[in-house]
Amino acid sequence: MAASGGGPCGLELARQYPDRVRGLIAIEVVSDSYEAKPLPTLMRSDIGAWLFLKLMGTQRLLKLMIPDTHNRQRILESTRKQEIFSELMWSSWPPSKRLQGFDNDLAHYASWSIEASEITVPALIIHGTDDINVPFSQSQALASAMPDARFHPIEGGDHFMPASHADELRDLIESFLDMLEY
């Protein structure tokens, strides 16, 4: 399974080692050249990121990161979804452990591409139509180029679907896994 900026790694793994990959699940993945925004200065510092995340709290972070009120409400309706959102936000802390890799990824995204038609493993590609972090069009193009891909757009879904649409994602993934032959 690959998500967001993990797309290039997951896609290359599936392309180069189809004998070792039974299936690929791609959730809003970077799948073509992409000019990502650099981290704001505050978030490049361990203390700055810690203070930002601590002082903002879940409610304000939700408002800042998820502009759609419906998607925010989907997270607020469940303690578990709030935990998932918080875990997603804290997953990049401390930045000092990740900055070199993050900057390297951003540099590679700008010129990266893959011959998606060479990815022959079964794939489930999921992308929210309102994602402002990774263009929806990347998953559309990826799915149409891969010979064994199932594309599932989520209407109104944004980049935080693992929290806001957790139940739908779980059902899609379980169904895809059940379909794979073991």
N, C-alpha and C. Protein backbone atom coordinates (compact mmCIF):
# COMPACT_ATOMS: atom_id res chain seq x y z
N MET A 1 0.85 -1.17 0.00
CA MET A 1 0.00 0.00 0.00
C MET A 1 0.90 1.23 0.00
N ALA A 2 0.55 2.18 -0.85
CA ALA A 2 1.27 3.44 -0.92
C ALA A 2 0.26 4.57 -0.81
N ALA A 3 0.66 5.63 -0.13
CA ALA A 3 -0.21 6.78 0.02
C ALA A 3 0.58 8.05 -0.22
N SER A 4 -0.05 9.00 -0.86
CA SER A 4 0.50 10.34 -1.05
C SER A 4 1.91 10.30 -1.63
N GLY A 5 2.87 10.88 -0.91
CA GLY A 5 4.25 10.94 -1.38
C GLY A 5 4.95 9.60 -1.41
N GLY A 6 4.32 8.57 -0.88
CA GLY A 6 4.88 7.22 -0.98
C GLY A 6 4.57 6.56 -2.31
N GLY A 7 3.85 7.27 -3.17
CA GLY A 7 3.48 6.72 -4.47
C GLY A 7 4.64 6.27 -5.32
N PRO A 8 5.65 7.13 -5.54
CA PRO A 8 6.76 6.69 -6.39
C PRO A 8 7.41 5.40 -5.92
N CYS A 9 7.61 5.25 -4.62
CA CYS A 9 8.23 4.04 -4.08
C CYS A 9 7.33 2.83 -4.31
N GLY A 10 6.06 2.95 -3.97
CA GLY A 10 5.13 1.84 -4.14
C GLY A 10 4.94 1.44 -5.60
N LEU A 11 4.84 2.43 -6.46
CA LEU A 11 4.67 2.15 -7.89
C LEU A 11 5.90 1.48 -8.48
N GLU A 12 7.08 1.96 -8.13
CA GLU A 12 8.32 1.36 -8.62
C GLU A 12 8.47 -0.07 -8.11
N LEU A 13 8.13 -0.30 -6.85
CA LEU A 13 8.20 -1.65 -6.31
C LEU A 13 7.30 -2.60 -7.10
N ALA A 14 6.07 -2.18 -7.35
CA ALA A 14 5.13 -3.02 -8.10
C ALA A 14 5.60 -3.23 -9.54
N ARG A 15 6.20 -2.22 -10.15
CA ARG A 15 6.66 -2.33 -11.54
C ARG A 15 7.88 -3.25 -11.63
N GLN A 16 8.84 -3.06 -10.74
CA GLN A 16 10.10 -3.81 -10.83
C GLN A 16 10.03 -5.22 -10.28
N TYR A 17 9.11 -5.48 -9.35
CA TYR A 17 9.05 -6.78 -8.70
C TYR A 17 7.64 -7.36 -8.68
N PRO A 18 7.04 -7.54 -9.85
CA PRO A 18 5.67 -8.07 -9.86
C PRO A 18 5.56 -9.48 -9.27
N ASP A 19 6.67 -10.21 -9.25
CA ASP A 19 6.68 -11.54 -8.66
C ASP A 19 6.64 -11.50 -7.12
N ARG A 20 6.90 -10.34 -6.56
CA ARG A 20 6.91 -10.19 -5.10
C ARG A 20 5.74 -9.35 -4.58
N VAL A 21 4.98 -8.77 -5.49
CA VAL A 21 3.87 -7.90 -5.11
C VAL A 21 2.57 -8.53 -5.61
N ARG A 22 1.73 -8.92 -4.68
CA ARG A 22 0.47 -9.57 -5.05
C ARG A 22 -0.55 -8.56 -5.57
N GLY A 23 -0.52 -7.37 -5.01
CA GLY A 23 -1.44 -6.31 -5.42
C GLY A 23 -0.97 -4.99 -4.87
N LEU A 24 -1.44 -3.92 -5.48
CA LEU A 24 -1.04 -2.57 -5.07
C LEU A 24 -2.28 -1.77 -4.70
N ILE A 25 -2.23 -1.13 -3.56
CA ILE A 25 -3.27 -0.20 -3.14
C ILE A 25 -2.62 1.17 -3.13
N ALA A 26 -3.15 2.08 -3.94
CA ALA A 26 -2.57 3.43 -4.08
C ALA A 26 -3.62 4.45 -3.66
N ILE A 27 -3.35 5.14 -2.57
CA ILE A 27 -4.30 6.13 -2.04
C ILE A 27 -3.73 7.52 -2.28
N GLU A 28 -4.33 8.25 -3.22
CA GLU A 28 -3.95 9.63 -3.54
C GLU A 28 -2.44 9.78 -3.72
N VAL A 29 -1.88 8.92 -4.56
CA VAL A 29 -0.43 8.88 -4.72
C VAL A 29 0.09 9.87 -5.75
N VAL A 30 1.29 10.36 -5.49
CA VAL A 30 2.05 11.09 -6.49
C VAL A 30 2.44 10.04 -7.52
N SER A 31 2.01 10.22 -8.75
CA SER A 31 2.28 9.20 -9.77
C SER A 31 2.85 9.80 -11.05
N ASP A 32 3.20 11.05 -11.01
CA ASP A 32 3.83 11.72 -12.14
C ASP A 32 4.55 12.95 -11.60
N SER A 33 5.26 13.65 -12.47
CA SER A 33 6.00 14.83 -11.99
C SER A 33 5.03 15.76 -11.26
N TYR A 34 5.56 16.37 -10.22
CA TYR A 34 4.70 17.13 -9.31
C TYR A 34 5.54 18.16 -8.56
N GLU A 35 5.08 19.38 -8.56
CA GLU A 35 5.76 20.46 -7.84
C GLU A 35 5.08 20.62 -6.48
N ALA A 36 5.60 19.94 -5.49
CA ALA A 36 5.03 20.00 -4.14
C ALA A 36 5.51 21.26 -3.43
N LYS A 37 4.69 21.73 -2.50
CA LYS A 37 5.05 22.90 -1.70
C LYS A 37 6.05 22.49 -0.62
N PRO A 38 7.09 23.30 -0.41
CA PRO A 38 8.02 22.97 0.68
C PRO A 38 7.36 23.18 2.04
N LEU A 39 7.92 22.55 3.05
CA LEU A 39 7.41 22.73 4.41
C LEU A 39 7.61 24.17 4.85
N PRO A 40 6.63 24.76 5.51
CA PRO A 40 6.83 26.10 6.07
C PRO A 40 7.99 26.07 7.08
N THR A 41 8.67 27.17 7.23
CA THR A 41 9.85 27.26 8.11
C THR A 41 9.54 26.75 9.52
N LEU A 42 8.41 27.14 10.06
CA LEU A 42 8.03 26.72 11.42
C LEU A 42 8.01 25.19 11.55
N MET A 43 7.55 24.50 10.51
CA MET A 43 7.41 23.05 10.55
C MET A 43 8.72 22.31 10.26
N ARG A 44 9.78 23.06 9.97
CA ARG A 44 11.09 22.45 9.71
C ARG A 44 11.91 22.34 11.00
N SER A 45 11.40 22.90 12.07
CA SER A 45 12.09 22.89 13.36
C SER A 45 11.33 21.98 14.32
N ASP A 46 12.05 21.16 15.07
CA ASP A 46 11.40 20.26 16.02
C ASP A 46 10.54 21.03 17.02
N ILE A 47 11.10 22.04 17.62
CA ILE A 47 10.35 22.80 18.63
C ILE A 47 9.21 23.58 17.98
N GLY A 48 9.44 24.12 16.80
CA GLY A 48 8.39 24.87 16.09
C GLY A 48 7.22 23.97 15.73
N ALA A 49 7.51 22.79 15.19
CA ALA A 49 6.45 21.85 14.82
C ALA A 49 5.71 21.36 16.06
N TRP A 50 6.45 21.06 17.12
CA TRP A 50 5.82 20.58 18.35
C TRP A 50 4.89 21.65 18.92
N LEU A 51 5.39 22.89 19.00
CA LEU A 51 4.55 23.98 19.52
C LEU A 51 3.31 24.18 18.65
N PHE A 52 3.50 24.18 17.35
CA PHE A 52 2.38 24.36 16.42
C PHE A 52 1.32 23.29 16.64
N LEU A 53 1.73 22.04 16.64
CA LEU A 53 0.77 20.95 16.79
C LEU A 53 0.11 20.95 18.16
N LYS A 54 0.88 21.21 19.21
CA LYS A 54 0.32 21.22 20.57
C LYS A 54 -0.64 22.39 20.77
N LEU A 55 -0.22 23.58 20.35
CA LEU A 55 -1.04 24.77 20.59
C LEU A 55 -2.29 24.81 19.70
N MET A 56 -2.18 24.29 18.51
CA MET A 56 -3.34 24.31 17.61
C MET A 56 -4.44 23.38 18.12
N GLY A 57 -4.11 22.19 18.54
CA GLY A 57 -5.10 21.23 18.97
C GLY A 57 -5.92 20.70 17.78
N THR A 58 -6.64 19.64 18.01
CA THR A 58 -7.36 18.95 16.93
C THR A 58 -8.37 19.85 16.23
N GLN A 59 -9.18 20.58 16.99
CA GLN A 59 -10.24 21.41 16.38
C GLN A 59 -9.68 22.44 15.40
N ARG A 60 -8.67 23.18 15.85
CA ARG A 60 -8.09 24.22 14.97
C ARG A 60 -7.31 23.61 13.82
N LEU A 61 -6.61 22.50 14.08
CA LEU A 61 -5.89 21.82 12.99
C LEU A 61 -6.86 21.34 11.92
N LEU A 62 -7.98 20.80 12.36
CA LEU A 62 -9.00 20.36 11.40
C LEU A 62 -9.46 21.52 10.52
N LYS A 63 -9.71 22.65 11.17
CA LYS A 63 -10.19 23.83 10.42
C LYS A 63 -9.13 24.32 9.43
N LEU A 64 -7.88 24.27 9.84
CA LEU A 64 -6.78 24.73 9.00
C LEU A 64 -6.50 23.77 7.84
N MET A 65 -6.49 22.47 8.13
CA MET A 65 -6.07 21.47 7.15
C MET A 65 -7.20 20.98 6.26
N ILE A 66 -8.43 21.06 6.74
CA ILE A 66 -9.58 20.53 5.99
C ILE A 66 -10.60 21.64 5.81
N PRO A 67 -10.54 22.32 4.67
CA PRO A 67 -11.45 23.45 4.46
C PRO A 67 -12.92 23.06 4.33
N ASP A 68 -13.20 21.85 3.90
CA ASP A 68 -14.59 21.43 3.69
C ASP A 68 -15.24 21.08 5.03
N THR A 69 -16.31 21.77 5.37
CA THR A 69 -16.97 21.56 6.66
C THR A 69 -17.54 20.15 6.78
N HIS A 70 -18.04 19.59 5.68
CA HIS A 70 -18.60 18.24 5.71
C HIS A 70 -17.53 17.21 6.07
N ASN A 71 -16.34 17.33 5.47
CA ASN A 71 -15.26 16.40 5.78
C ASN A 71 -14.76 16.58 7.20
N ARG A 72 -14.73 17.84 7.68
CA ARG A 72 -14.35 18.08 9.08
C ARG A 72 -15.35 17.39 10.01
N GLN A 73 -16.62 17.55 9.71
CA GLN A 73 -17.66 16.96 10.55
C GLN A 73 -17.57 15.44 10.56
N ARG A 74 -17.20 14.85 9.43
CA ARG A 74 -17.05 13.38 9.37
C ARG A 74 -15.99 12.92 10.38
N ILE A 75 -14.97 13.73 10.57
CA ILE A 75 -13.92 13.37 11.54
C ILE A 75 -14.40 13.62 12.96
N LEU A 76 -15.08 14.74 13.17
CA LEU A 76 -15.54 15.09 14.52
C LEU A 76 -16.60 14.13 15.05
N GLU A 77 -17.27 13.41 14.17
CA GLU A 77 -18.33 12.50 14.61
C GLU A 77 -17.81 11.24 15.30
N SER A 78 -16.51 11.02 15.24
CA SER A 78 -15.96 9.78 15.78
C SER A 78 -14.63 10.04 16.50
N THR A 79 -14.53 9.54 17.71
CA THR A 79 -13.29 9.66 18.46
C THR A 79 -12.16 8.96 17.71
N ARG A 80 -12.45 7.81 17.12
CA ARG A 80 -11.41 7.06 16.39
C ARG A 80 -10.92 7.86 15.18
N LYS A 81 -11.81 8.50 14.46
CA LYS A 81 -11.41 9.31 13.30
C LYS A 81 -10.56 10.50 13.74
N GLN A 82 -10.89 11.09 14.89
CA GLN A 82 -10.07 12.18 15.43
C GLN A 82 -8.68 11.67 15.79
N GLU A 83 -8.61 10.47 16.34
CA GLU A 83 -7.31 9.86 16.65
C GLU A 83 -6.50 9.63 15.38
N ILE A 84 -7.15 9.14 14.32
CA ILE A 84 -6.46 8.90 13.05
C ILE A 84 -5.92 10.22 12.51
N PHE A 85 -6.74 11.26 12.54
CA PHE A 85 -6.30 12.58 12.05
C PHE A 85 -5.10 13.07 12.86
N SER A 86 -5.19 12.96 14.18
CA SER A 86 -4.10 13.40 15.04
C SER A 86 -2.83 12.59 14.75
N GLU A 87 -2.96 11.29 14.58
CA GLU A 87 -1.81 10.44 14.24
C GLU A 87 -1.19 10.86 12.91
N LEU A 88 -2.04 11.20 11.93
CA LEU A 88 -1.53 11.67 10.63
C LEU A 88 -0.74 12.96 10.82
N MET A 89 -1.27 13.88 11.62
CA MET A 89 -0.59 15.16 11.84
C MET A 89 0.74 14.96 12.57
N TRP A 90 0.76 14.08 13.55
CA TRP A 90 1.97 13.86 14.35
C TRP A 90 2.96 12.92 13.66
N SER A 91 2.56 12.28 12.57
CA SER A 91 3.43 11.29 11.92
C SER A 91 4.70 11.92 11.33
N SER A 92 4.70 13.21 11.15
CA SER A 92 5.89 13.86 10.59
C SER A 92 6.80 14.47 11.66
N TRP A 93 6.45 14.24 12.93
CA TRP A 93 7.25 14.80 14.01
C TRP A 93 8.19 13.74 14.55
N PRO A 94 9.42 14.02 14.90
CA PRO A 94 10.07 15.33 14.78
C PRO A 94 10.62 15.53 13.36
N PRO A 95 10.49 16.74 12.84
CA PRO A 95 10.95 17.00 11.48
C PRO A 95 12.44 16.74 11.27
N SER A 96 13.26 16.91 12.31
CA SER A 96 14.71 16.72 12.15
C SER A 96 15.04 15.30 11.68
N LYS A 97 14.18 14.34 11.96
CA LYS A 97 14.40 12.96 11.55
C LYS A 97 13.94 12.70 10.12
N ARG A 98 13.22 13.66 9.53
CA ARG A 98 12.60 13.43 8.23
C ARG A 98 12.94 14.47 7.16
N LEU A 99 13.53 15.59 7.56
CA LEU A 99 13.75 16.69 6.61
C LEU A 99 14.60 16.30 5.41
N GLN A 100 15.69 15.60 5.64
CA GLN A 100 16.55 15.24 4.53
C GLN A 100 15.80 14.38 3.52
N GLY A 101 15.06 13.42 3.99
CA GLY A 101 14.26 12.57 3.10
C GLY A 101 13.13 13.34 2.44
N PHE A 102 12.46 14.20 3.20
CA PHE A 102 11.37 15.00 2.66
C PHE A 102 11.88 15.91 1.53
N ASP A 103 12.99 16.61 1.77
CA ASP A 103 13.55 17.50 0.75
C ASP A 103 14.00 16.70 -0.48
N ASN A 104 14.56 15.52 -0.24
CA ASN A 104 14.97 14.65 -1.35
C ASN A 104 13.75 14.24 -2.18
N ASP A 105 12.67 13.85 -1.51
CA ASP A 105 11.45 13.48 -2.22
C ASP A 105 10.94 14.63 -3.08
N LEU A 106 10.89 15.83 -2.50
CA LEU A 106 10.39 16.99 -3.25
C LEU A 106 11.23 17.24 -4.50
N ALA A 107 12.54 17.10 -4.37
CA ALA A 107 13.42 17.31 -5.53
C ALA A 107 13.15 16.26 -6.61
N HIS A 108 12.92 15.03 -6.21
CA HIS A 108 12.67 13.96 -7.18
C HIS A 108 11.27 14.05 -7.80
N TYR A 109 10.28 14.49 -7.06
CA TYR A 109 8.92 14.58 -7.60
C TYR A 109 8.87 15.47 -8.84
N ALA A 110 9.68 16.51 -8.85
CA ALA A 110 9.62 17.50 -9.94
C ALA A 110 9.88 16.88 -11.30
N SER A 111 10.69 15.82 -11.36
CA SER A 111 11.01 15.23 -12.67
C SER A 111 10.68 13.74 -12.75
N TRP A 112 10.03 13.21 -11.75
CA TRP A 112 9.76 11.78 -11.70
C TRP A 112 8.60 11.40 -12.61
N SER A 113 8.71 10.26 -13.24
CA SER A 113 7.59 9.69 -13.98
C SER A 113 7.80 8.18 -14.05
N ILE A 114 6.74 7.48 -14.36
CA ILE A 114 6.81 6.03 -14.45
C ILE A 114 6.00 5.59 -15.66
N GLU A 115 6.42 4.50 -16.26
CA GLU A 115 5.65 3.91 -17.35
C GLU A 115 4.61 3.01 -16.70
N ALA A 116 3.45 3.58 -16.41
CA ALA A 116 2.42 2.88 -15.64
C ALA A 116 1.91 1.62 -16.35
N SER A 117 2.00 1.59 -17.65
CA SER A 117 1.54 0.39 -18.38
C SER A 117 2.39 -0.83 -18.05
N GLU A 118 3.57 -0.62 -17.47
CA GLU A 118 4.44 -1.73 -17.08
C GLU A 118 4.10 -2.30 -15.71
N ILE A 119 3.16 -1.68 -15.01
CA ILE A 119 2.73 -2.19 -13.70
C ILE A 119 1.59 -3.17 -13.96
N THR A 120 1.90 -4.45 -13.84
CA THR A 120 0.95 -5.48 -14.24
C THR A 120 0.20 -6.13 -13.08
N VAL A 121 0.58 -5.81 -11.84
CA VAL A 121 -0.11 -6.41 -10.70
C VAL A 121 -1.49 -5.79 -10.56
N PRO A 122 -2.45 -6.51 -9.99
CA PRO A 122 -3.76 -5.91 -9.73
C PRO A 122 -3.59 -4.69 -8.82
N ALA A 123 -4.36 -3.65 -9.11
CA ALA A 123 -4.21 -2.43 -8.32
C ALA A 123 -5.57 -1.82 -8.01
N LEU A 124 -5.65 -1.25 -6.83
CA LEU A 124 -6.79 -0.45 -6.41
C LEU A 124 -6.27 0.97 -6.25
N ILE A 125 -6.82 1.89 -7.00
CA ILE A 125 -6.39 3.28 -6.95
C ILE A 125 -7.55 4.10 -6.42
N ILE A 126 -7.32 4.79 -5.31
CA ILE A 126 -8.35 5.58 -4.64
C ILE A 126 -7.88 7.01 -4.57
N HIS A 127 -8.77 7.94 -4.92
CA HIS A 127 -8.40 9.36 -4.84
C HIS A 127 -9.65 10.19 -4.61
N GLY A 128 -9.53 11.17 -3.72
CA GLY A 128 -10.63 12.10 -3.47
C GLY A 128 -10.68 13.18 -4.54
N THR A 129 -11.87 13.51 -4.97
CA THR A 129 -12.03 14.51 -6.04
C THR A 129 -11.66 15.92 -5.60
N ASP A 130 -11.64 16.17 -4.29
CA ASP A 130 -11.31 17.51 -3.79
C ASP A 130 -9.95 17.58 -3.11
N ASP A 131 -9.06 16.67 -3.46
CA ASP A 131 -7.71 16.67 -2.90
C ASP A 131 -6.95 17.88 -3.45
N ILE A 132 -6.43 18.73 -2.55
CA ILE A 132 -5.66 19.90 -3.00
C ILE A 132 -4.16 19.67 -2.83
N ASN A 133 -3.76 18.49 -2.33
CA ASN A 133 -2.34 18.20 -2.15
C ASN A 133 -1.75 17.46 -3.34
N VAL A 134 -2.42 16.41 -3.81
CA VAL A 134 -1.99 15.65 -4.98
C VAL A 134 -3.13 15.73 -6.00
N PRO A 135 -2.85 16.20 -7.21
CA PRO A 135 -3.93 16.36 -8.20
C PRO A 135 -4.67 15.05 -8.48
N PHE A 136 -5.99 15.13 -8.47
CA PHE A 136 -6.87 14.01 -8.78
C PHE A 136 -6.53 13.43 -10.16
N SER A 137 -6.16 14.30 -11.07
CA SER A 137 -5.85 13.86 -12.45
C SER A 137 -4.70 12.86 -12.48
N GLN A 138 -3.81 12.89 -11.50
CA GLN A 138 -2.70 11.92 -11.50
C GLN A 138 -3.23 10.49 -11.34
N SER A 139 -4.18 10.30 -10.44
CA SER A 139 -4.74 8.95 -10.24
C SER A 139 -5.60 8.54 -11.42
N GLN A 140 -6.31 9.49 -12.02
CA GLN A 140 -7.10 9.16 -13.21
C GLN A 140 -6.18 8.63 -14.31
N ALA A 141 -5.09 9.32 -14.58
CA ALA A 141 -4.15 8.92 -15.63
C ALA A 141 -3.48 7.59 -15.27
N LEU A 142 -3.11 7.43 -14.02
CA LEU A 142 -2.47 6.20 -13.57
C LEU A 142 -3.39 5.01 -13.81
N ALA A 143 -4.63 5.14 -13.37
CA ALA A 143 -5.58 4.03 -13.51
C ALA A 143 -5.84 3.68 -14.97
N SER A 144 -5.92 4.67 -15.82
CA SER A 144 -6.20 4.38 -17.23
C SER A 144 -5.00 3.77 -17.94
N ALA A 145 -3.79 3.99 -17.43
CA ALA A 145 -2.59 3.45 -18.06
C ALA A 145 -2.24 2.04 -17.58
N MET A 146 -2.71 1.67 -16.40
CA MET A 146 -2.36 0.35 -15.85
C MET A 146 -3.32 -0.71 -16.38
N PRO A 147 -2.79 -1.86 -16.79
CA PRO A 147 -3.64 -2.89 -17.38
C PRO A 147 -4.62 -3.56 -16.42
N ASP A 148 -4.33 -3.57 -15.12
CA ASP A 148 -5.20 -4.28 -14.17
C ASP A 148 -5.52 -3.39 -12.97
N ALA A 149 -6.00 -2.19 -13.25
CA ALA A 149 -6.30 -1.23 -12.18
C ALA A 149 -7.79 -1.02 -12.03
N ARG A 150 -8.20 -0.87 -10.78
CA ARG A 150 -9.57 -0.49 -10.45
C ARG A 150 -9.48 0.90 -9.84
N PHE A 151 -10.18 1.85 -10.44
CA PHE A 151 -10.11 3.23 -9.96
C PHE A 151 -11.37 3.54 -9.17
N HIS A 152 -11.17 4.05 -7.96
CA HIS A 152 -12.31 4.42 -7.13
C HIS A 152 -12.18 5.88 -6.68
N PRO A 153 -12.82 6.79 -7.41
CA PRO A 153 -12.82 8.19 -6.94
C PRO A 153 -13.80 8.33 -5.78
N ILE A 154 -13.44 9.17 -4.82
CA ILE A 154 -14.35 9.46 -3.71
C ILE A 154 -14.78 10.91 -3.84
N GLU A 155 -16.02 11.09 -4.21
CA GLU A 155 -16.59 12.41 -4.44
C GLU A 155 -16.48 13.26 -3.18
N GLY A 156 -15.82 14.42 -3.32
CA GLY A 156 -15.66 15.34 -2.20
C GLY A 156 -14.54 14.98 -1.24
N GLY A 157 -13.90 13.85 -1.46
CA GLY A 157 -12.82 13.44 -0.57
C GLY A 157 -11.60 14.33 -0.75
N ASP A 158 -10.92 14.61 0.37
CA ASP A 158 -9.71 15.42 0.32
C ASP A 158 -8.51 14.56 0.72
N HIS A 159 -7.39 15.18 1.01
CA HIS A 159 -6.16 14.43 1.28
C HIS A 159 -6.16 13.74 2.65
N PHE A 160 -7.13 14.02 3.45
CA PHE A 160 -7.20 13.41 4.78
C PHE A 160 -8.27 12.33 4.85
N MET A 161 -8.53 11.68 3.71
CA MET A 161 -9.53 10.61 3.67
C MET A 161 -9.24 9.45 4.62
N PRO A 162 -7.96 9.13 4.94
CA PRO A 162 -7.77 8.06 5.92
C PRO A 162 -8.47 8.35 7.25
N ALA A 163 -8.72 9.61 7.53
CA ALA A 163 -9.49 9.96 8.73
C ALA A 163 -10.96 10.21 8.38
N SER A 164 -11.22 11.08 7.42
CA SER A 164 -12.60 11.48 7.14
C SER A 164 -13.43 10.37 6.49
N HIS A 165 -12.80 9.52 5.71
CA HIS A 165 -13.50 8.44 5.01
C HIS A 165 -12.95 7.07 5.40
N ALA A 166 -12.56 6.95 6.66
CA ALA A 166 -11.90 5.73 7.14
C ALA A 166 -12.72 4.47 6.88
N ASP A 167 -14.02 4.53 7.12
CA ASP A 167 -14.86 3.34 6.95
C ASP A 167 -14.93 2.94 5.47
N GLU A 168 -15.12 3.91 4.60
CA GLU A 168 -15.20 3.62 3.17
C GLU A 168 -13.87 3.05 2.65
N LEU A 169 -12.76 3.65 3.08
CA LEU A 169 -11.45 3.14 2.66
C LEU A 169 -11.25 1.71 3.16
N ARG A 170 -11.59 1.45 4.40
CA ARG A 170 -11.43 0.10 4.95
C ARG A 170 -12.24 -0.91 4.13
N ASP A 171 -13.49 -0.56 3.81
CA ASP A 171 -14.33 -1.48 3.04
C ASP A 171 -13.76 -1.73 1.64
N LEU A 172 -13.28 -0.67 0.99
CA LEU A 172 -12.69 -0.82 -0.35
C LEU A 172 -11.45 -1.71 -0.30
N ILE A 173 -10.60 -1.46 0.68
CA ILE A 173 -9.36 -2.22 0.80
C ILE A 173 -9.64 -3.67 1.14
N GLU A 174 -10.57 -3.91 2.07
CA GLU A 174 -10.90 -5.30 2.42
C GLU A 174 -11.47 -6.03 1.21
N SER A 175 -12.33 -5.39 0.46
CA SER A 175 -12.91 -6.01 -0.73
C SER A 175 -11.84 -6.34 -1.77
N PHE A 176 -10.90 -5.41 -1.96
CA PHE A 176 -9.80 -5.65 -2.90
C PHE A 176 -8.93 -6.81 -2.44
N LEU A 177 -8.60 -6.84 -1.17
CA LEU A 177 -7.77 -7.92 -0.64
C LEU A 177 -8.47 -9.27 -0.74
N ASP A 178 -9.78 -9.28 -0.51
CA ASP A 178 -10.55 -10.53 -0.64
C ASP A 178 -10.51 -11.05 -2.07
N MET A 179 -10.44 -10.13 -3.03
CA MET A 179 -10.45 -10.49 -4.45
C MET A 179 -9.11 -11.11 -4.88
N LEU A 180 -8.03 -10.74 -4.22
CA LEU A 180 -6.72 -11.26 -4.60
C LEU A 180 -6.63 -12.75 -4.26
N GLU A 181 -5.99 -13.49 -5.10
CA GLU A 181 -5.79 -14.92 -4.85
C GLU A 181 -4.56 -15.09 -3.95
N TYR A 182 -4.70 -15.93 -2.97
CA TYR A 182 -3.57 -16.22 -2.08
C TYR A 182 -3.12 -17.58 -2.37
